[in-house]
Amino acid sequence: MSTTDTLTMPAFTAWLAAFRDRVTEQRSYLTELDSAIGDADHGANMARGMAAVMEKVEAAAPPTADELFKTVGMTLVTSVGGASGPLYGTFFLRFGMAAGAVTECDAAALSTALRAGLDGVVARGKAEAGDKTMFDALAPALEAMDAAVASGASLAEATAAARDAAAAGRDATEPLVARKGRASYLGERSAGHLDPGATSAALLMEALAEVAAS
């Protein structure tokens, strides 16, 4: 296993920091999206939650992936309101459980852990394709990553494929009528807006690809 084609513990921390930076930078935009079809708090919630995550992670420096992502997940569940805290918290908790007590992951192990995270989101939120949720960005991202890994792609290539598919999935939520969450109350009026959860999920994959390529 080449150390240049794995994510190590410092890289995992860098991924979380890059995600924090993105949701902080895009806080107003995420809130704008959520104000159209939700409770207008997604940007604030994600920025606050990831700031709390990095504060804990940088103070404690968990030594293995399972411990790191347990810390991340529990922090999000306890510090973020609305649906995003439990959903992202579950994603990272399941990710860590699947990754295990390791200090690095190759592309295949990373893909498996990400898939476990998505399965956790589905178990908690019951979302399916086309419901206009974060699932619509994450599911195609992991399909693209799985395909890339199966073809022998490098970690950087596989995560780049996931990033691009997540962005396409995010964009595809715009014409959809929401079937889950607060946005579903609007019915047809939810069409014509990007889903904020899918948008932040695309930022998560963008941050991952950036770290994998560095």
N, C-alpha and C. Protein backbone atom coordinates (compact mmCIF):
# COMPACT_ATOMS: atom_id res chain seq x y z
N MET A 1 0.85 -1.18 0.00
CA MET A 1 0.00 0.00 0.00
C MET A 1 0.89 1.24 0.00
N SER A 2 0.79 2.01 -1.06
CA SER A 2 1.61 3.22 -1.15
C SER A 2 1.06 4.31 -0.25
N THR A 3 1.95 4.93 0.50
CA THR A 3 1.49 6.00 1.38
C THR A 3 0.98 7.20 0.60
N THR A 4 1.36 7.31 -0.65
CA THR A 4 0.86 8.41 -1.47
C THR A 4 -0.52 8.13 -2.01
N ASP A 5 -0.98 6.90 -1.89
CA ASP A 5 -2.30 6.56 -2.39
C ASP A 5 -3.22 6.10 -1.26
N THR A 6 -2.98 6.66 -0.08
CA THR A 6 -3.85 6.42 1.07
C THR A 6 -4.18 7.75 1.73
N LEU A 7 -5.25 7.75 2.48
CA LEU A 7 -5.53 8.87 3.37
C LEU A 7 -5.06 8.49 4.76
N THR A 8 -4.17 9.27 5.31
CA THR A 8 -3.65 9.05 6.66
C THR A 8 -4.46 9.86 7.66
N MET A 9 -4.15 9.72 8.93
CA MET A 9 -4.86 10.49 9.95
C MET A 9 -4.74 12.00 9.73
N PRO A 10 -3.54 12.53 9.44
CA PRO A 10 -3.48 13.96 9.13
C PRO A 10 -4.34 14.35 7.93
N ALA A 11 -4.44 13.46 6.95
CA ALA A 11 -5.27 13.75 5.78
C ALA A 11 -6.76 13.75 6.14
N PHE A 12 -7.16 12.83 7.00
CA PHE A 12 -8.55 12.84 7.46
C PHE A 12 -8.88 14.15 8.15
N THR A 13 -7.96 14.60 9.00
CA THR A 13 -8.17 15.87 9.69
C THR A 13 -8.20 17.03 8.70
N ALA A 14 -7.34 16.96 7.69
CA ALA A 14 -7.33 18.00 6.65
C ALA A 14 -8.64 18.01 5.87
N TRP A 15 -9.22 16.83 5.63
CA TRP A 15 -10.52 16.73 4.94
C TRP A 15 -11.59 17.46 5.77
N LEU A 16 -11.62 17.18 7.05
CA LEU A 16 -12.61 17.82 7.92
C LEU A 16 -12.41 19.33 7.96
N ALA A 17 -11.15 19.76 8.02
CA ALA A 17 -10.86 21.20 8.04
C ALA A 17 -11.27 21.86 6.73
N ALA A 18 -11.02 21.17 5.62
CA ALA A 18 -11.40 21.72 4.31
C ALA A 18 -12.92 21.81 4.18
N PHE A 19 -13.62 20.84 4.73
CA PHE A 19 -15.09 20.88 4.72
C PHE A 19 -15.59 22.03 5.59
N ARG A 20 -14.99 22.17 6.77
CA ARG A 20 -15.34 23.31 7.63
C ARG A 20 -15.15 24.63 6.90
N ASP A 21 -14.01 24.77 6.23
CA ASP A 21 -13.73 26.02 5.52
C ASP A 21 -14.76 26.28 4.44
N ARG A 22 -15.16 25.23 3.75
CA ARG A 22 -16.13 25.40 2.66
C ARG A 22 -17.51 25.78 3.18
N VAL A 23 -17.98 25.10 4.21
CA VAL A 23 -19.32 25.45 4.71
C VAL A 23 -19.31 26.82 5.39
N THR A 24 -18.17 27.20 5.92
CA THR A 24 -18.06 28.54 6.51
C THR A 24 -18.08 29.60 5.41
N GLU A 25 -17.31 29.37 4.35
CA GLU A 25 -17.28 30.30 3.22
C GLU A 25 -18.64 30.40 2.53
N GLN A 26 -19.34 29.25 2.46
CA GLN A 26 -20.62 29.18 1.75
C GLN A 26 -21.81 29.30 2.70
N ARG A 27 -21.55 29.72 3.91
CA ARG A 27 -22.62 29.78 4.92
C ARG A 27 -23.83 30.58 4.43
N SER A 28 -23.60 31.77 3.92
CA SER A 28 -24.71 32.62 3.46
C SER A 28 -25.44 31.98 2.28
N TYR A 29 -24.67 31.38 1.38
CA TYR A 29 -25.28 30.73 0.21
C TYR A 29 -26.14 29.54 0.63
N LEU A 30 -25.62 28.70 1.53
CA LEU A 30 -26.39 27.56 2.00
C LEU A 30 -27.65 28.01 2.72
N THR A 31 -27.55 29.09 3.47
CA THR A 31 -28.73 29.63 4.16
C THR A 31 -29.73 30.19 3.17
N GLU A 32 -29.21 30.83 2.11
CA GLU A 32 -30.09 31.35 1.06
C GLU A 32 -30.86 30.21 0.39
N LEU A 33 -30.17 29.13 0.09
CA LEU A 33 -30.85 27.97 -0.49
C LEU A 33 -31.91 27.43 0.47
N ASP A 34 -31.55 27.35 1.74
CA ASP A 34 -32.46 26.78 2.73
C ASP A 34 -33.62 27.72 3.03
N SER A 35 -33.42 29.01 2.84
CA SER A 35 -34.52 29.96 3.09
C SER A 35 -35.62 29.80 2.05
N ALA A 36 -35.25 29.30 0.87
CA ALA A 36 -36.24 29.12 -0.20
C ALA A 36 -37.13 27.90 0.04
N ILE A 37 -36.55 26.83 0.62
CA ILE A 37 -37.33 25.59 0.73
C ILE A 37 -37.23 24.94 2.11
N GLY A 38 -36.57 25.60 3.07
CA GLY A 38 -36.39 24.99 4.38
C GLY A 38 -36.56 25.98 5.51
N ASP A 39 -35.74 25.83 6.54
CA ASP A 39 -35.84 26.66 7.74
C ASP A 39 -34.81 27.78 7.78
N ALA A 40 -34.08 27.97 6.70
CA ALA A 40 -33.09 29.05 6.60
C ALA A 40 -31.98 28.94 7.65
N ASP A 41 -31.62 27.70 8.00
CA ASP A 41 -30.59 27.53 9.03
C ASP A 41 -29.48 26.56 8.63
N HIS A 42 -29.50 26.03 7.42
CA HIS A 42 -28.53 25.00 7.06
C HIS A 42 -27.11 25.54 7.06
N GLY A 43 -26.91 26.72 6.52
CA GLY A 43 -25.57 27.29 6.50
C GLY A 43 -25.04 27.55 7.89
N ALA A 44 -25.86 28.17 8.73
CA ALA A 44 -25.45 28.46 10.11
C ALA A 44 -25.20 27.17 10.88
N ASN A 45 -26.08 26.20 10.70
CA ASN A 45 -25.93 24.93 11.43
C ASN A 45 -24.65 24.19 11.04
N MET A 46 -24.37 24.12 9.74
CA MET A 46 -23.20 23.39 9.28
C MET A 46 -21.91 24.10 9.67
N ALA A 47 -21.91 25.42 9.56
CA ALA A 47 -20.70 26.18 9.95
C ALA A 47 -20.44 26.03 11.45
N ARG A 48 -21.48 26.13 12.25
CA ARG A 48 -21.32 25.98 13.70
C ARG A 48 -20.88 24.56 14.05
N GLY A 49 -21.51 23.57 13.41
CA GLY A 49 -21.18 22.18 13.70
C GLY A 49 -19.76 21.82 13.34
N MET A 50 -19.30 22.24 12.17
CA MET A 50 -17.94 21.89 11.76
C MET A 50 -16.89 22.69 12.54
N ALA A 51 -17.24 23.88 12.99
CA ALA A 51 -16.32 24.62 13.85
C ALA A 51 -16.15 23.87 15.17
N ALA A 52 -17.26 23.36 15.71
CA ALA A 52 -17.20 22.58 16.95
C ALA A 52 -16.42 21.29 16.75
N VAL A 53 -16.59 20.66 15.59
CA VAL A 53 -15.86 19.44 15.26
C VAL A 53 -14.36 19.69 15.30
N MET A 54 -13.92 20.73 14.58
CA MET A 54 -12.48 20.97 14.49
C MET A 54 -11.89 21.39 15.83
N GLU A 55 -12.66 22.08 16.63
CA GLU A 55 -12.19 22.45 17.96
C GLU A 55 -11.89 21.20 18.79
N LYS A 56 -12.80 20.22 18.72
CA LYS A 56 -12.61 18.98 19.48
C LYS A 56 -11.49 18.13 18.90
N VAL A 57 -11.47 18.00 17.58
CA VAL A 57 -10.48 17.16 16.92
C VAL A 57 -9.07 17.70 17.14
N GLU A 58 -8.91 18.99 17.01
CA GLU A 58 -7.58 19.59 17.17
C GLU A 58 -7.12 19.54 18.63
N ALA A 59 -8.06 19.51 19.55
CA ALA A 59 -7.70 19.44 20.97
C ALA A 59 -7.37 18.01 21.40
N ALA A 60 -8.08 17.03 20.81
CA ALA A 60 -7.94 15.65 21.27
C ALA A 60 -7.02 14.80 20.41
N ALA A 61 -6.97 15.09 19.10
CA ALA A 61 -6.17 14.31 18.14
C ALA A 61 -6.39 12.81 18.29
N PRO A 62 -7.62 12.32 18.00
CA PRO A 62 -7.88 10.88 18.09
C PRO A 62 -6.89 10.09 17.22
N PRO A 63 -6.38 8.96 17.72
CA PRO A 63 -5.29 8.26 17.03
C PRO A 63 -5.70 7.37 15.88
N THR A 64 -6.97 6.97 15.82
CA THR A 64 -7.42 6.06 14.77
C THR A 64 -8.69 6.59 14.12
N ALA A 65 -8.98 6.07 12.93
CA ALA A 65 -10.11 6.58 12.16
C ALA A 65 -11.43 6.39 12.89
N ASP A 66 -11.63 5.23 13.52
CA ASP A 66 -12.90 5.01 14.20
C ASP A 66 -13.10 6.01 15.34
N GLU A 67 -12.06 6.28 16.09
CA GLU A 67 -12.18 7.24 17.19
C GLU A 67 -12.37 8.66 16.67
N LEU A 68 -11.63 9.01 15.61
CA LEU A 68 -11.77 10.35 15.03
C LEU A 68 -13.20 10.60 14.58
N PHE A 69 -13.74 9.68 13.80
CA PHE A 69 -15.05 9.94 13.22
C PHE A 69 -16.20 9.72 14.20
N LYS A 70 -15.94 8.96 15.27
CA LYS A 70 -16.91 8.92 16.36
C LYS A 70 -17.00 10.29 17.02
N THR A 71 -15.85 10.91 17.23
CA THR A 71 -15.83 12.27 17.79
C THR A 71 -16.56 13.24 16.88
N VAL A 72 -16.29 13.13 15.58
CA VAL A 72 -16.95 14.01 14.61
C VAL A 72 -18.46 13.82 14.65
N GLY A 73 -18.89 12.56 14.56
CA GLY A 73 -20.31 12.27 14.51
C GLY A 73 -21.05 12.72 15.75
N MET A 74 -20.50 12.41 16.91
CA MET A 74 -21.17 12.78 18.16
C MET A 74 -21.21 14.29 18.34
N THR A 75 -20.18 14.98 17.90
CA THR A 75 -20.16 16.43 18.00
C THR A 75 -21.25 17.04 17.14
N LEU A 76 -21.41 16.54 15.92
CA LEU A 76 -22.44 17.06 15.03
C LEU A 76 -23.84 16.78 15.56
N VAL A 77 -24.04 15.58 16.08
CA VAL A 77 -25.36 15.22 16.61
C VAL A 77 -25.74 16.14 17.77
N THR A 78 -24.77 16.48 18.59
CA THR A 78 -25.07 17.26 19.79
C THR A 78 -25.01 18.77 19.59
N SER A 79 -24.38 19.23 18.52
CA SER A 79 -24.19 20.67 18.36
C SER A 79 -24.94 21.29 17.20
N VAL A 80 -25.55 20.47 16.35
CA VAL A 80 -26.23 20.99 15.17
C VAL A 80 -27.72 20.69 15.26
N GLY A 81 -28.51 21.73 15.06
CA GLY A 81 -29.95 21.56 15.08
C GLY A 81 -30.50 21.09 13.74
N GLY A 82 -31.81 20.94 13.67
CA GLY A 82 -32.45 20.54 12.43
C GLY A 82 -32.11 19.12 12.04
N ALA A 83 -32.28 18.83 10.76
CA ALA A 83 -32.01 17.48 10.26
C ALA A 83 -30.54 17.24 9.99
N SER A 84 -29.79 18.31 9.71
CA SER A 84 -28.41 18.13 9.24
C SER A 84 -27.50 17.54 10.31
N GLY A 85 -27.71 17.88 11.58
CA GLY A 85 -26.88 17.34 12.64
C GLY A 85 -26.98 15.83 12.74
N PRO A 86 -28.19 15.28 12.91
CA PRO A 86 -28.35 13.83 12.97
C PRO A 86 -27.90 13.12 11.68
N LEU A 87 -28.17 13.72 10.53
CA LEU A 87 -27.82 13.05 9.27
C LEU A 87 -26.32 13.04 9.04
N TYR A 88 -25.67 14.18 9.15
CA TYR A 88 -24.22 14.22 9.00
C TYR A 88 -23.53 13.48 10.14
N GLY A 89 -24.09 13.59 11.34
CA GLY A 89 -23.52 12.86 12.47
C GLY A 89 -23.55 11.37 12.24
N THR A 90 -24.68 10.87 11.76
CA THR A 90 -24.79 9.45 11.46
C THR A 90 -23.84 9.05 10.34
N PHE A 91 -23.72 9.89 9.33
CA PHE A 91 -22.80 9.61 8.23
C PHE A 91 -21.39 9.37 8.75
N PHE A 92 -20.89 10.28 9.58
CA PHE A 92 -19.52 10.15 10.07
C PHE A 92 -19.37 9.03 11.09
N LEU A 93 -20.38 8.79 11.92
CA LEU A 93 -20.32 7.67 12.85
C LEU A 93 -20.18 6.35 12.11
N ARG A 94 -21.02 6.16 11.09
CA ARG A 94 -20.98 4.92 10.31
C ARG A 94 -19.69 4.82 9.51
N PHE A 95 -19.22 5.94 9.00
CA PHE A 95 -17.95 5.98 8.28
C PHE A 95 -16.85 5.45 9.18
N GLY A 96 -16.76 5.97 10.40
CA GLY A 96 -15.72 5.55 11.32
C GLY A 96 -15.82 4.10 11.71
N MET A 97 -17.04 3.61 11.93
CA MET A 97 -17.23 2.20 12.29
C MET A 97 -16.74 1.30 11.17
N ALA A 98 -17.03 1.69 9.93
CA ALA A 98 -16.62 0.87 8.78
C ALA A 98 -15.11 0.95 8.55
N ALA A 99 -14.54 2.12 8.75
CA ALA A 99 -13.09 2.28 8.56
C ALA A 99 -12.32 1.46 9.59
N GLY A 100 -12.79 1.48 10.84
CA GLY A 100 -12.17 0.69 11.89
C GLY A 100 -11.00 1.39 12.56
N ALA A 101 -10.30 0.63 13.39
CA ALA A 101 -9.18 1.18 14.17
C ALA A 101 -7.91 1.20 13.34
N VAL A 102 -7.94 1.99 12.26
CA VAL A 102 -6.82 2.08 11.34
C VAL A 102 -6.28 3.50 11.35
N THR A 103 -5.11 3.67 10.77
CA THR A 103 -4.52 5.00 10.68
C THR A 103 -4.41 5.48 9.23
N GLU A 104 -4.84 4.66 8.29
CA GLU A 104 -4.89 5.08 6.89
C GLU A 104 -5.86 4.20 6.12
N CYS A 105 -6.37 4.74 5.01
CA CYS A 105 -7.29 4.01 4.14
C CYS A 105 -6.86 4.19 2.70
N ASP A 106 -6.88 3.11 1.94
CA ASP A 106 -6.67 3.23 0.50
C ASP A 106 -8.02 3.55 -0.15
N ALA A 107 -8.03 3.64 -1.47
CA ALA A 107 -9.24 4.06 -2.18
C ALA A 107 -10.39 3.09 -1.94
N ALA A 108 -10.12 1.78 -1.94
CA ALA A 108 -11.18 0.80 -1.74
C ALA A 108 -11.75 0.88 -0.34
N ALA A 109 -10.88 1.01 0.66
CA ALA A 109 -11.35 1.11 2.05
C ALA A 109 -12.12 2.40 2.27
N LEU A 110 -11.67 3.48 1.65
CA LEU A 110 -12.36 4.75 1.76
C LEU A 110 -13.75 4.66 1.15
N SER A 111 -13.83 4.04 -0.02
CA SER A 111 -15.12 3.88 -0.69
C SER A 111 -16.08 3.06 0.16
N THR A 112 -15.57 2.01 0.79
CA THR A 112 -16.40 1.18 1.66
C THR A 112 -16.92 1.97 2.85
N ALA A 113 -16.04 2.77 3.45
CA ALA A 113 -16.44 3.58 4.60
C ALA A 113 -17.46 4.65 4.21
N LEU A 114 -17.26 5.28 3.07
CA LEU A 114 -18.21 6.28 2.58
C LEU A 114 -19.56 5.64 2.31
N ARG A 115 -19.55 4.45 1.75
CA ARG A 115 -20.80 3.73 1.48
C ARG A 115 -21.53 3.43 2.78
N ALA A 116 -20.80 3.04 3.81
CA ALA A 116 -21.41 2.79 5.12
C ALA A 116 -22.03 4.07 5.67
N GLY A 117 -21.34 5.19 5.46
CA GLY A 117 -21.89 6.47 5.89
C GLY A 117 -23.20 6.79 5.20
N LEU A 118 -23.24 6.57 3.89
CA LEU A 118 -24.47 6.82 3.14
C LEU A 118 -25.58 5.88 3.61
N ASP A 119 -25.26 4.63 3.86
CA ASP A 119 -26.26 3.69 4.35
C ASP A 119 -26.85 4.18 5.68
N GLY A 120 -26.00 4.79 6.51
CA GLY A 120 -26.49 5.36 7.76
C GLY A 120 -27.45 6.50 7.54
N VAL A 121 -27.15 7.34 6.56
CA VAL A 121 -28.04 8.45 6.22
C VAL A 121 -29.39 7.92 5.74
N VAL A 122 -29.35 6.89 4.92
CA VAL A 122 -30.59 6.29 4.41
C VAL A 122 -31.41 5.68 5.55
N ALA A 123 -30.72 4.98 6.47
CA ALA A 123 -31.41 4.36 7.60
C ALA A 123 -32.10 5.40 8.47
N ARG A 124 -31.45 6.55 8.64
CA ARG A 124 -32.03 7.59 9.49
C ARG A 124 -33.07 8.42 8.77
N GLY A 125 -32.79 8.80 7.53
CA GLY A 125 -33.67 9.72 6.83
C GLY A 125 -34.63 9.10 5.84
N LYS A 126 -34.44 7.81 5.53
CA LYS A 126 -35.31 7.08 4.59
C LYS A 126 -35.35 7.69 3.20
N ALA A 127 -34.31 8.42 2.83
CA ALA A 127 -34.30 9.09 1.53
C ALA A 127 -33.97 8.12 0.41
N GLU A 128 -34.51 8.41 -0.76
CA GLU A 128 -34.24 7.65 -1.98
C GLU A 128 -33.84 8.63 -3.07
N ALA A 129 -33.38 8.09 -4.18
CA ALA A 129 -33.01 8.92 -5.31
C ALA A 129 -34.22 9.74 -5.76
N GLY A 130 -33.99 11.02 -6.00
CA GLY A 130 -35.04 11.89 -6.50
C GLY A 130 -35.88 12.55 -5.42
N ASP A 131 -35.56 12.29 -4.14
CA ASP A 131 -36.32 12.91 -3.06
C ASP A 131 -35.90 14.35 -2.78
N LYS A 132 -34.83 14.81 -3.43
CA LYS A 132 -34.29 16.16 -3.26
C LYS A 132 -33.69 16.31 -1.87
N THR A 133 -32.67 15.47 -1.62
CA THR A 133 -31.95 15.50 -0.35
C THR A 133 -30.46 15.32 -0.62
N MET A 134 -29.68 15.26 0.45
CA MET A 134 -28.24 15.02 0.32
C MET A 134 -27.95 13.68 -0.35
N PHE A 135 -28.89 12.74 -0.28
CA PHE A 135 -28.72 11.45 -0.95
C PHE A 135 -28.46 11.65 -2.44
N ASP A 136 -29.11 12.63 -3.04
CA ASP A 136 -29.01 12.84 -4.49
C ASP A 136 -27.63 13.30 -4.93
N ALA A 137 -26.81 13.79 -3.99
CA ALA A 137 -25.41 14.10 -4.30
C ALA A 137 -24.50 12.95 -3.89
N LEU A 138 -24.76 12.36 -2.72
CA LEU A 138 -23.87 11.32 -2.21
C LEU A 138 -23.97 10.01 -2.98
N ALA A 139 -25.17 9.60 -3.33
CA ALA A 139 -25.33 8.30 -4.00
C ALA A 139 -24.60 8.24 -5.34
N PRO A 140 -24.79 9.21 -6.23
CA PRO A 140 -24.03 9.17 -7.49
C PRO A 140 -22.53 9.33 -7.28
N ALA A 141 -22.15 10.08 -6.25
CA ALA A 141 -20.72 10.24 -5.95
C ALA A 141 -20.10 8.89 -5.63
N LEU A 142 -20.78 8.09 -4.82
CA LEU A 142 -20.21 6.80 -4.42
C LEU A 142 -20.30 5.77 -5.55
N GLU A 143 -21.31 5.88 -6.38
CA GLU A 143 -21.36 5.01 -7.56
C GLU A 143 -20.16 5.29 -8.47
N ALA A 144 -19.88 6.57 -8.66
CA ALA A 144 -18.74 6.95 -9.51
C ALA A 144 -17.43 6.51 -8.88
N MET A 145 -17.32 6.65 -7.57
CA MET A 145 -16.09 6.26 -6.89
C MET A 145 -15.91 4.75 -6.94
N ASP A 146 -16.98 4.01 -6.70
CA ASP A 146 -16.90 2.54 -6.77
C ASP A 146 -16.43 2.09 -8.16
N ALA A 147 -17.00 2.72 -9.19
CA ALA A 147 -16.62 2.36 -10.56
C ALA A 147 -15.15 2.69 -10.82
N ALA A 148 -14.70 3.83 -10.31
CA ALA A 148 -13.31 4.22 -10.50
C ALA A 148 -12.37 3.26 -9.78
N VAL A 149 -12.72 2.90 -8.55
CA VAL A 149 -11.89 1.97 -7.79
C VAL A 149 -11.83 0.62 -8.49
N ALA A 150 -12.97 0.17 -8.99
CA ALA A 150 -13.02 -1.12 -9.68
C ALA A 150 -12.17 -1.15 -10.94
N SER A 151 -12.00 0.02 -11.55
CA SER A 151 -11.20 0.11 -12.78
C SER A 151 -9.71 0.31 -12.49
N GLY A 152 -9.36 0.37 -11.19
CA GLY A 152 -7.96 0.53 -10.82
C GLY A 152 -7.48 1.96 -10.70
N ALA A 153 -8.43 2.89 -10.56
CA ALA A 153 -8.06 4.30 -10.46
C ALA A 153 -7.31 4.57 -9.15
N SER A 154 -6.52 5.61 -9.16
CA SER A 154 -5.82 6.04 -7.96
C SER A 154 -6.81 6.69 -7.00
N LEU A 155 -6.37 6.91 -5.78
CA LEU A 155 -7.21 7.58 -4.79
C LEU A 155 -7.63 8.97 -5.29
N ALA A 156 -6.68 9.71 -5.84
CA ALA A 156 -7.00 11.05 -6.34
C ALA A 156 -8.01 10.99 -7.47
N GLU A 157 -7.83 10.02 -8.37
CA GLU A 157 -8.77 9.89 -9.49
C GLU A 157 -10.15 9.47 -9.02
N ALA A 158 -10.19 8.55 -8.07
CA ALA A 158 -11.48 8.04 -7.58
C ALA A 158 -12.25 9.13 -6.85
N THR A 159 -11.56 9.91 -6.03
CA THR A 159 -12.25 10.97 -5.30
C THR A 159 -12.64 12.13 -6.22
N ALA A 160 -11.86 12.34 -7.26
CA ALA A 160 -12.23 13.36 -8.25
C ALA A 160 -13.50 12.95 -8.98
N ALA A 161 -13.62 11.66 -9.30
CA ALA A 161 -14.84 11.16 -9.93
C ALA A 161 -16.04 11.34 -9.00
N ALA A 162 -15.82 11.07 -7.71
CA ALA A 162 -16.89 11.26 -6.73
C ALA A 162 -17.29 12.73 -6.63
N ARG A 163 -16.30 13.60 -6.62
CA ARG A 163 -16.57 15.05 -6.56
C ARG A 163 -17.42 15.51 -7.73
N ASP A 164 -17.05 15.09 -8.92
CA ASP A 164 -17.76 15.52 -10.12
C ASP A 164 -19.19 14.98 -10.15
N ALA A 165 -19.36 13.73 -9.73
CA ALA A 165 -20.69 13.13 -9.72
C ALA A 165 -21.56 13.77 -8.65
N ALA A 166 -20.96 14.14 -7.52
CA ALA A 166 -21.72 14.82 -6.47
C ALA A 166 -22.22 16.17 -6.96
N ALA A 167 -21.36 16.89 -7.67
CA ALA A 167 -21.75 18.20 -8.20
C ALA A 167 -22.89 18.05 -9.21
N ALA A 168 -22.81 17.03 -10.05
CA ALA A 168 -23.89 16.79 -11.02
C ALA A 168 -25.18 16.40 -10.30
N GLY A 169 -25.05 15.59 -9.25
CA GLY A 169 -26.22 15.20 -8.47
C GLY A 169 -26.86 16.39 -7.78
N ARG A 170 -26.02 17.26 -7.24
CA ARG A 170 -26.52 18.51 -6.63
C ARG A 170 -27.31 19.33 -7.63
N ASP A 171 -26.73 19.52 -8.81
CA ASP A 171 -27.38 20.34 -9.83
C ASP A 171 -28.70 19.72 -10.28
N ALA A 172 -28.76 18.40 -10.27
CA ALA A 172 -29.97 17.70 -10.71
C ALA A 172 -31.12 17.83 -9.72
N THR A 173 -30.84 18.33 -8.50
CA THR A 173 -31.94 18.51 -7.55
C THR A 173 -32.78 19.74 -7.85
N GLU A 174 -32.27 20.65 -8.67
CA GLU A 174 -32.98 21.92 -8.87
C GLU A 174 -34.41 21.74 -9.38
N PRO A 175 -34.66 20.92 -10.41
CA PRO A 175 -36.03 20.81 -10.90
C PRO A 175 -36.92 19.86 -10.09
N LEU A 176 -36.34 19.17 -9.12
CA LEU A 176 -37.10 18.15 -8.40
C LEU A 176 -38.10 18.76 -7.43
N VAL A 177 -39.18 18.03 -7.21
CA VAL A 177 -40.14 18.36 -6.15
C VAL A 177 -39.74 17.54 -4.93
N ALA A 178 -39.51 18.22 -3.83
CA ALA A 178 -39.03 17.54 -2.62
C ALA A 178 -40.07 16.56 -2.08
N ARG A 179 -39.56 15.40 -1.67
CA ARG A 179 -40.45 14.38 -1.08
C ARG A 179 -40.09 14.06 0.36
N LYS A 180 -39.02 14.69 0.87
CA LYS A 180 -38.60 14.45 2.25
C LYS A 180 -38.29 15.78 2.93
N GLY A 181 -38.39 15.79 4.25
CA GLY A 181 -37.96 16.94 5.03
C GLY A 181 -38.88 18.15 4.92
N ARG A 182 -38.39 19.25 5.47
CA ARG A 182 -39.16 20.49 5.51
C ARG A 182 -39.56 20.95 4.11
N ALA A 183 -38.70 20.75 3.13
CA ALA A 183 -38.99 21.20 1.77
C ALA A 183 -40.21 20.51 1.17
N SER A 184 -40.49 19.28 1.64
CA SER A 184 -41.62 18.54 1.07
C SER A 184 -42.96 19.21 1.36
N TYR A 185 -43.00 20.06 2.40
CA TYR A 185 -44.24 20.76 2.73
C TYR A 185 -44.65 21.74 1.64
N LEU A 186 -43.68 22.17 0.84
CA LEU A 186 -43.94 23.17 -0.19
C LEU A 186 -44.52 22.56 -1.46
N GLY A 187 -44.43 21.25 -1.60
CA GLY A 187 -44.94 20.61 -2.80
C GLY A 187 -44.25 21.11 -4.05
N GLU A 188 -45.05 21.47 -5.04
CA GLU A 188 -44.50 21.91 -6.33
C GLU A 188 -43.63 23.16 -6.20
N ARG A 189 -43.86 23.95 -5.17
CA ARG A 189 -43.07 25.18 -5.01
C ARG A 189 -41.61 24.91 -4.64
N SER A 190 -41.31 23.66 -4.26
CA SER A 190 -39.91 23.32 -3.95
C SER A 190 -39.08 23.14 -5.21
N ALA A 191 -39.73 22.97 -6.36
CA ALA A 191 -39.00 22.86 -7.62
C ALA A 191 -38.39 24.21 -7.98
N GLY A 192 -37.25 24.15 -8.70
CA GLY A 192 -36.59 25.38 -9.12
C GLY A 192 -35.54 25.88 -8.16
N HIS A 193 -35.25 25.07 -7.13
CA HIS A 193 -34.24 25.45 -6.14
C HIS A 193 -33.30 24.27 -5.89
N LEU A 194 -32.01 24.54 -5.77
CA LEU A 194 -31.06 23.50 -5.38
C LEU A 194 -31.35 23.07 -3.95
N ASP A 195 -31.16 21.79 -3.68
CA ASP A 195 -31.33 21.32 -2.32
C ASP A 195 -30.11 21.70 -1.49
N PRO A 196 -30.29 22.34 -0.32
CA PRO A 196 -29.14 22.75 0.48
C PRO A 196 -28.33 21.57 1.01
N GLY A 197 -28.99 20.47 1.37
CA GLY A 197 -28.26 19.30 1.86
C GLY A 197 -27.40 18.67 0.78
N ALA A 198 -27.94 18.59 -0.43
CA ALA A 198 -27.15 18.08 -1.55
C ALA A 198 -25.98 19.01 -1.85
N THR A 199 -26.19 20.30 -1.65
CA THR A 199 -25.14 21.28 -1.91
C THR A 199 -24.01 21.15 -0.90
N SER A 200 -24.34 20.98 0.37
CA SER A 200 -23.27 20.79 1.36
C SER A 200 -22.60 19.43 1.19
N ALA A 201 -23.35 18.42 0.77
CA ALA A 201 -22.75 17.11 0.52
C ALA A 201 -21.75 17.17 -0.63
N ALA A 202 -22.06 17.98 -1.64
CA ALA A 202 -21.12 18.16 -2.74
C ALA A 202 -19.85 18.86 -2.25
N LEU A 203 -19.99 19.77 -1.30
CA LEU A 203 -18.81 20.41 -0.71
C LEU A 203 -17.97 19.40 0.06
N LEU A 204 -18.62 18.45 0.69
CA LEU A 204 -17.89 17.40 1.42
C LEU A 204 -17.03 16.58 0.46
N MET A 205 -17.59 16.23 -0.69
CA MET A 205 -16.84 15.45 -1.69
C MET A 205 -15.77 16.30 -2.35
N GLU A 206 -16.04 17.58 -2.51
CA GLU A 206 -15.04 18.50 -3.08
C GLU A 206 -13.83 18.60 -2.14
N ALA A 207 -14.10 18.71 -0.85
CA ALA A 207 -13.02 18.78 0.14
C ALA A 207 -12.19 17.50 0.15
N LEU A 208 -12.86 16.37 0.03
CA LEU A 208 -12.17 15.08 0.02
C LEU A 208 -11.25 14.96 -1.19
N ALA A 209 -11.74 15.34 -2.35
CA ALA A 209 -10.94 15.27 -3.57
C ALA A 209 -9.72 16.19 -3.49
N GLU A 210 -9.92 17.34 -2.90
CA GLU A 210 -8.80 18.28 -2.76
C GLU A 210 -7.68 17.68 -1.91
N VAL A 211 -8.06 17.08 -0.78
CA VAL A 211 -7.08 16.50 0.12
C VAL A 211 -6.40 15.30 -0.52
N ALA A 212 -7.18 14.48 -1.22
CA ALA A 212 -6.62 13.29 -1.86
C ALA A 212 -5.62 13.65 -2.95
N ALA A 213 -5.82 14.80 -3.57
CA ALA A 213 -4.93 15.22 -4.65
C ALA A 213 -3.68 15.95 -4.14
N SER A 214 -3.65 16.28 -2.87
CA SER A 214 -2.54 17.08 -2.34
C SER A 214 -1.37 16.22 -1.93
